[in-house]
Amino acid sequence: MTHNASTASVRWPLWLAGVWLLASIATIFAVPVLIATVPAWHEVRTYLQQLGQVHAWIAIAACVGLLVLSKRKHAETEETWAQGALLIFVLGGVLSVLVLQFGVWPQWLARSNSTTLQLQVFGLMAVHGGCAMLTWRRLRACARGKLPSDSA
């Protein structure tokens, strides 16, 4: 496969990973800003619920899109860019956002003074953002022509 063909096959996955990464970064920065600027906790909670839902759906759509694009129809193997650890990062992103959105996040919004829940939310957001960043970096390396087999 030539460099141009590999770059073309990575274009959409790279775009999806970029959207996923930007949504994760925006959420990570928006949470403390909302907490610091909105005076009443019930208003903060409403905004955080909306923010969490938007972030979760963007992340899920991007990850599902990456999983769908990782294998061509009727192909026996994954695309070159999807081989190795990248699919683990994508699956980690899906799992972390599901646990965050439907497990820890609602509990934290209900009991905002719980330090344990705050640390769990922070940890899951960090893991999720890390998965998004690692996916984007790996796809960017593939787009530049440094395929996974080149780095070993």
Protein backbone atom coordinates (compact mmCIF):
# COMPACT_ATOMS: atom_id res chain seq x y z
CA MET A 1 0.00 0.00 0.00
CA THR A 2 1.40 3.40 -0.90
CA HIS A 3 1.75 6.31 1.45
CA ASN A 4 -1.10 8.22 -0.24
CA ALA A 5 -3.46 5.25 0.03
CA SER A 6 -2.63 4.75 3.71
CA THR A 7 -3.09 8.46 4.37
CA ALA A 8 -6.49 8.41 2.66
CA SER A 9 -7.63 5.40 4.68
CA VAL A 10 -6.65 7.15 7.93
CA ARG A 11 -8.36 10.47 7.17
CA TRP A 12 -11.82 9.65 8.61
CA PRO A 13 -10.52 7.73 11.63
CA LEU A 14 -8.14 10.60 12.39
CA TRP A 15 -11.01 13.08 12.16
CA LEU A 16 -13.17 10.95 14.49
CA ALA A 17 -10.33 10.59 17.00
CA GLY A 18 -9.77 14.37 16.86
CA VAL A 19 -13.43 15.09 17.60
CA TRP A 20 -13.32 12.59 20.46
CA LEU A 21 -10.14 14.15 21.87
CA LEU A 22 -11.51 17.71 21.60
CA ALA A 23 -14.75 16.70 23.33
CA SER A 24 -12.76 15.07 26.14
CA ILE A 25 -10.50 18.11 26.59
CA ALA A 26 -13.46 20.49 26.53
CA THR A 27 -15.26 18.43 29.17
CA ILE A 28 -12.21 18.21 31.41
CA PHE A 29 -11.82 22.00 31.33
CA ALA A 30 -15.54 22.83 31.46
CA VAL A 31 -16.26 20.95 34.70
CA PRO A 32 -14.09 23.12 37.01
CA VAL A 33 -15.12 26.29 35.16
CA LEU A 34 -18.81 25.50 35.71
CA ILE A 35 -18.22 24.69 39.35
CA ALA A 36 -16.27 27.91 39.89
CA THR A 37 -18.57 30.27 38.00
CA VAL A 38 -22.13 29.10 38.62
CA PRO A 39 -23.22 30.05 42.14
CA ALA A 40 -25.98 27.52 42.91
CA TRP A 41 -25.21 23.79 43.00
CA HIS A 42 -28.59 22.82 41.49
CA GLU A 43 -27.75 24.94 38.42
CA VAL A 44 -24.25 23.47 38.24
CA ARG A 45 -25.72 19.99 38.45
CA THR A 46 -28.11 20.71 35.57
CA TYR A 47 -25.28 22.02 33.37
CA LEU A 48 -23.01 19.12 34.30
CA GLN A 49 -25.73 16.60 33.42
CA GLN A 50 -26.12 18.20 30.00
CA LEU A 51 -22.36 18.41 29.50
CA GLY A 52 -21.95 14.77 30.50
CA GLN A 53 -24.63 13.63 28.09
CA VAL A 54 -23.18 15.57 25.16
CA HIS A 55 -19.67 14.31 25.91
CA ALA A 56 -20.84 10.71 26.31
CA TRP A 57 -22.70 10.66 23.00
CA ILE A 58 -19.83 12.28 21.11
CA ALA A 59 -17.35 9.81 22.60
CA ILE A 60 -19.59 6.79 21.96
CA ALA A 61 -20.28 7.87 18.36
CA ALA A 62 -16.57 8.45 17.68
CA CYS A 63 -15.53 5.13 19.21
CA VAL A 64 -18.23 3.16 17.39
CA GLY A 65 -17.25 4.93 14.18
CA LEU A 66 -13.61 3.95 14.71
CA LEU A 67 -14.61 0.35 15.38
CA VAL A 68 -16.77 0.25 12.24
CA LEU A 69 -14.03 1.80 10.08
CA SER A 70 -11.36 -0.52 11.50
CA LYS A 71 -12.39 -3.37 9.23
CA ARG A 72 -13.57 -3.14 5.66
CA LYS A 73 -16.61 -5.05 4.58
CA HIS A 74 -15.75 -8.68 3.80
CA ALA A 75 -12.11 -8.17 4.84
CA GLU A 76 -10.34 -10.81 6.88
CA THR A 77 -8.10 -8.43 8.83
CA GLU A 78 -8.32 -4.94 10.25
CA GLU A 79 -7.05 -1.89 8.45
CA THR A 80 -3.34 -1.19 8.89
CA TRP A 81 -4.04 1.76 11.18
CA ALA A 82 -6.33 -0.33 13.41
CA GLN A 83 -3.91 -3.11 14.22
CA GLY A 84 -2.30 -3.44 17.62
CA ALA A 85 -3.13 -1.38 20.65
CA LEU A 86 -5.35 1.18 18.95
CA LEU A 87 -8.50 -0.94 19.27
CA ILE A 88 -7.69 -1.48 22.95
CA PHE A 89 -7.62 2.32 23.41
CA VAL A 90 -10.96 2.65 21.59
CA LEU A 91 -12.58 -0.09 23.66
CA GLY A 92 -11.10 1.47 26.81
CA GLY A 93 -12.63 4.79 25.77
CA VAL A 94 -16.07 3.25 25.30
CA LEU A 95 -15.94 1.41 28.62
CA SER A 96 -14.63 4.41 30.57
CA VAL A 97 -17.29 6.77 29.20
CA LEU A 98 -20.07 4.26 29.90
CA VAL A 99 -18.92 3.72 33.49
CA LEU A 100 -18.44 7.47 33.93
CA GLN A 101 -21.76 8.54 32.41
CA PHE A 102 -24.03 5.82 33.76
CA GLY A 103 -22.21 4.91 36.98
CA VAL A 104 -20.05 7.44 38.78
CA TRP A 105 -21.17 10.77 37.29
CA PRO A 106 -24.83 10.59 38.46
CA GLN A 107 -23.74 9.46 41.94
CA TRP A 108 -21.30 12.38 42.17
CA LEU A 109 -23.97 14.86 41.08
CA ALA A 110 -26.28 13.50 43.79
CA ARG A 111 -23.59 13.59 46.51
CA SER A 112 -21.20 16.34 45.47
CA ASN A 113 -19.39 16.44 48.82
CA SER A 114 -18.06 12.88 48.47
CA THR A 115 -14.29 13.00 47.96
CA THR A 116 -14.24 9.36 46.86
CA LEU A 117 -16.74 10.04 44.07
CA GLN A 118 -14.82 13.16 43.03
CA LEU A 119 -11.63 11.13 42.73
CA GLN A 120 -13.46 8.42 40.76
CA VAL A 121 -14.86 11.00 38.33
CA PHE A 122 -11.43 12.60 37.94
CA GLY A 123 -9.76 9.21 37.44
CA LEU A 124 -12.27 8.04 34.85
CA MET A 125 -12.06 11.36 33.00
CA ALA A 126 -8.26 11.04 32.97
CA VAL A 127 -8.42 7.44 31.68
CA HIS A 128 -10.96 8.42 29.04
CA GLY A 129 -8.94 11.44 27.91
CA GLY A 130 -5.81 9.29 27.83
CA CYS A 131 -7.52 6.74 25.58
CA ALA A 132 -8.62 9.55 23.25
CA MET A 133 -5.13 11.07 23.14
CA LEU A 134 -3.37 7.75 22.55
CA THR A 135 -5.80 6.88 19.75
CA TRP A 136 -5.33 10.25 18.09
CA ARG A 137 -1.53 10.11 18.38
CA ARG A 138 -1.39 6.60 16.93
CA LEU A 139 -3.63 7.55 14.01
CA ARG A 140 -1.58 10.66 13.40
CA ALA A 141 1.59 8.57 13.31
CA CYS A 142 -0.05 6.22 10.79
CA ALA A 143 -1.13 9.16 8.65
CA ARG A 144 2.47 10.40 8.59
CA GLY A 145 3.61 7.04 7.32
CA LYS A 146 4.96 5.62 10.55
CA LEU A 147 2.92 2.46 10.56
CA PRO A 148 2.70 0.32 13.71
CA SER A 149 5.25 -2.15 12.37
CA ASP A 150 7.76 0.71 11.89
CA SER A 151 7.78 1.63 15.58
CA ALA A 152 8.75 -1.83 16.81
